[in-house]
Amino acid sequence: GHEQLLKMMEERMMDVEQKLRFVKRLLQDKVNQLKEQLTKNTKADVMVKDLYVENAQLLKALEMTEQRQKTAERKNYLLEEKIANLNRIVKNLASPSFSS
C-alpha cells in the first residue's frame, strides 16, 4: 500500500508539473502578445501626437490664409470705391466739355 501510495503521489506530481509547464507556456504567450500590443500602442501614440501637431499647424495656416483673404477683400472693396469715384470724376469732367 505504501509503495502504491508513493507511485500515485509521483504520478500526481508529474501531472501537476506538466500542467504548470502548460500554464507557464500560456502565460509566456500572453506576455509576448501584450508586449507586441504595447509596441503598437506606443507607435500609435506617437502618430497621434504627430497628427495633433500637424493639425495645429494646419489650423494656424488656415487662420493666416483667412486673414489674408479678408485683407484682400477689404483692399478690393476700397479699390472698387476708388474706381467708382474716378469714373464719377471723369464723367463730371467730360460732361461740361460736351455741353460747350
C-alpha atoms as a PDB file:
ATOM      1  CA  GLY A   1       0.000   0.000   0.000  1.00  0.00           C
ATOM      2  CA  HIS A   2       2.818   2.355   0.863  1.00  0.00           C
ATOM      3  CA  GLU A   3       4.611   1.775  -2.463  1.00  0.00           C
ATOM      4  CA  GLN A   4       1.356   2.208  -4.359  1.00  0.00           C
ATOM      5  CA  LEU A   5       0.623   5.458  -2.486  1.00  0.00           C
ATOM      6  CA  LEU A   6       4.111   6.757  -3.370  1.00  0.00           C
ATOM      7  CA  LYS A   7       3.585   5.802  -7.015  1.00  0.00           C
ATOM      8  CA  MET A   8       0.206   7.640  -7.072  1.00  0.00           C
ATOM      9  CA  MET A   9       1.771  10.704  -5.463  1.00  0.00           C
ATOM     10  CA  GLU A  10       4.610  10.615  -8.005  1.00  0.00           C
ATOM     11  CA  GLU A  11       2.123  10.412 -10.905  1.00  0.00           C
ATOM     12  CA  ARG A  12       0.105  13.291  -9.477  1.00  0.00           C
ATOM     13  CA  MET A  13       3.290  15.327  -9.096  1.00  0.00           C
ATOM     14  CA  MET A  14       4.238  14.683 -12.724  1.00  0.00           C
ATOM     15  CA  ASP A  15       0.711  15.619 -13.825  1.00  0.00           C
ATOM     16  CA  VAL A  16       0.871  18.869 -11.817  1.00  0.00           C
ATOM     17  CA  GLU A  17       4.323  19.671 -13.268  1.00  0.00           C
ATOM     18  CA  GLN A  18       3.012  19.098 -16.795  1.00  0.00           C
ATOM     19  CA  LYS A  19       0.028  21.377 -16.140  1.00  0.00           C
ATOM     20  CA  LEU A  20       2.344  24.019 -14.675  1.00  0.00           C
ATOM     21  CA  ARG A  21       4.581  23.906 -17.784  1.00  0.00           C
ATOM     22  CA  PHE A  22       1.481  24.299 -19.955  1.00  0.00           C
ATOM     23  CA  VAL A  23       0.251  27.272 -17.893  1.00  0.00           C
ATOM     24  CA  LYS A  24       3.751  28.792 -17.997  1.00  0.00           C
ATOM     25  CA  ARG A  25       3.740  28.474 -21.814  1.00  0.00           C
ATOM     26  CA  LEU A  26       0.305  30.107 -21.997  1.00  0.00           C
ATOM     27  CA  LEU A  27       1.430  32.945 -19.751  1.00  0.00           C
ATOM     28  CA  GLN A  28       4.573  33.480 -21.836  1.00  0.00           C
ATOM     29  CA  ASP A  29       2.437  33.651 -24.988  1.00  0.00           C
ATOM     30  CA  LYS A  30       0.215  36.216 -23.290  1.00  0.00           C
ATOM     31  CA  VAL A  31       3.258  38.243 -22.179  1.00  0.00           C
ATOM     32  CA  ASN A  32       4.566  38.254 -25.770  1.00  0.00           C
ATOM     33  CA  GLN A  33       1.167  39.287 -27.077  1.00  0.00           C
ATOM     34  CA  LEU A  34       0.956  42.137 -24.556  1.00  0.00           C
ATOM     35  CA  LYS A  35       4.491  43.293 -25.441  1.00  0.00           C
ATOM     36  CA  GLU A  36       3.500  43.427 -29.127  1.00  0.00           C
ATOM     37  CA  GLN A  37       0.354  45.367 -28.253  1.00  0.00           C
ATOM     38  CA  LEU A  38       2.391  47.805 -26.152  1.00  0.00           C
ATOM     39  CA  THR A  39       4.744  48.393 -29.089  1.00  0.00           C
ATOM     40  CA  LYS A  40       1.793  49.012 -31.419  1.00  0.00           C
ATOM     41  CA  ASN A  41       0.169  51.346 -28.888  1.00  0.00           C
ATOM     42  CA  THR A  42       3.404  53.281 -28.462  1.00  0.00           C
ATOM     43  CA  LYS A  43       3.707  53.741 -32.235  1.00  0.00           C
ATOM     44  CA  ALA A  44       0.043  54.774 -32.443  1.00  0.00           C
ATOM     45  CA  ASP A  45       0.574  57.252 -29.596  1.00  0.00           C
ATOM     46  CA  VAL A  46       3.495  58.851 -31.455  1.00  0.00           C
ATOM     47  CA  MET A  47       1.391  59.056 -34.617  1.00  0.00           C
ATOM     48  CA  VAL A  48      -1.492  60.689 -32.729  1.00  0.00           C
ATOM     49  CA  LYS A  49       0.888  63.277 -31.246  1.00  0.00           C
ATOM     50  CA  ASP A  50       2.363  63.976 -34.707  1.00  0.00           C
ATOM     51  CA  LEU A  51      -1.133  64.377 -36.160  1.00  0.00           C
ATOM     52  CA  TYR A  52      -2.084  66.696 -33.293  1.00  0.00           C
ATOM     53  CA  VAL A  53       0.938  68.911 -34.032  1.00  0.00           C
ATOM     54  CA  GLU A  54       0.274  68.819 -37.774  1.00  0.00           C
ATOM     55  CA  ASN A  55      -3.377  69.698 -37.180  1.00  0.00           C
ATOM     56  CA  ALA A  56      -2.367  72.695 -35.049  1.00  0.00           C
ATOM     57  CA  GLN A  57      -0.007  73.882 -37.811  1.00  0.00           C
ATOM     58  CA  LEU A  58      -2.735  73.482 -40.430  1.00  0.00           C
ATOM     59  CA  LEU A  59      -5.207  75.428 -38.294  1.00  0.00           C
ATOM     60  CA  LYS A  60      -2.668  78.242 -37.918  1.00  0.00           C
ATOM     61  CA  ALA A  61      -2.057  78.270 -41.686  1.00  0.00           C
ATOM     62  CA  LEU A  62      -5.818  78.338 -42.278  1.00  0.00           C
ATOM     63  CA  GLU A  63      -6.226  81.285 -39.892  1.00  0.00           C
ATOM     64  CA  MET A  64      -3.449  83.189 -41.675  1.00  0.00           C
ATOM     65  CA  THR A  65      -4.990  82.416 -45.086  1.00  0.00           C
ATOM     66  CA  GLU A  66      -8.415  83.581 -43.928  1.00  0.00           C
ATOM     67  CA  GLN A  67      -6.847  86.776 -42.556  1.00  0.00           C
ATOM     68  CA  ARG A  68      -5.086  87.410 -45.888  1.00  0.00           C
ATOM     69  CA  GLN A  69      -8.355  86.807 -47.730  1.00  0.00           C
ATOM     70  CA  LYS A  70     -10.176  89.338 -45.515  1.00  0.00           C
ATOM     71  CA  THR A  71      -7.396  91.863 -46.115  1.00  0.00           C
ATOM     72  CA  ALA A  72      -7.542  91.257 -49.876  1.00  0.00           C
ATOM     73  CA  GLU A  73     -11.334  91.633 -49.848  1.00  0.00           C
ATOM     74  CA  ARG A  74     -11.025  94.931 -47.922  1.00  0.00           C
ATOM     75  CA  LYS A  75      -8.392  96.226 -50.379  1.00  0.00           C
ATOM     76  CA  ASN A  76     -10.539  95.096 -53.313  1.00  0.00           C
ATOM     77  CA  TYR A  77     -13.566  96.937 -51.885  1.00  0.00           C
ATOM     78  CA  LEU A  78     -11.503 100.127 -51.418  1.00  0.00           C
ATOM     79  CA  LEU A  79     -10.149  99.870 -54.984  1.00  0.00           C
ATOM     80  CA  GLU A  80     -13.680  99.425 -56.344  1.00  0.00           C
ATOM     81  CA  GLU A  81     -14.765 102.532 -54.436  1.00  0.00           C
ATOM     82  CA  LYS A  82     -11.799 104.484 -55.833  1.00  0.00           C
ATOM     83  CA  ILE A  83     -12.632 103.293 -59.373  1.00  0.00           C
ATOM     84  CA  ALA A  84     -16.258 104.346 -58.914  1.00  0.00           C
ATOM     85  CA  ASN A  85     -15.125 107.766 -57.640  1.00  0.00           C
ATOM     86  CA  LEU A  86     -12.655 108.165 -60.527  1.00  0.00           C
ATOM     87  CA  ASN A  87     -15.385 107.213 -63.017  1.00  0.00           C
ATOM     88  CA  ARG A  88     -17.670 109.845 -61.427  1.00  0.00           C
ATOM     89  CA  ILE A  89     -14.891 112.483 -61.667  1.00  0.00           C
ATOM     90  CA  VAL A  90     -14.160 111.588 -65.317  1.00  0.00           C
ATOM     91  CA  LYS A  91     -17.880 111.715 -66.096  1.00  0.00           C
ATOM     92  CA  ASN A  92     -18.200 115.130 -64.401  1.00  0.00           C
ATOM     93  CA  LEU A  93     -15.121 116.452 -66.227  1.00  0.00           C
ATOM     94  CA  ALA A  94     -16.374 115.122 -69.582  1.00  0.00           C
ATOM     95  CA  SER A  95     -19.923 116.436 -69.180  1.00  0.00           C
ATOM     96  CA  PRO A  96     -19.171 120.206 -69.376  1.00  0.00           C
ATOM     97  CA  SER A  97     -16.878 119.758 -72.390  1.00  0.00           C
ATOM     98  CA  PHE A  98     -19.679 118.088 -74.361  1.00  0.00           C
ATOM     99  CA  SER A  99     -22.177 120.764 -73.387  1.00  0.00           C
ATOM    100  CA  SER A 100     -19.947 123.630 -74.591  1.00  0.00           C
END
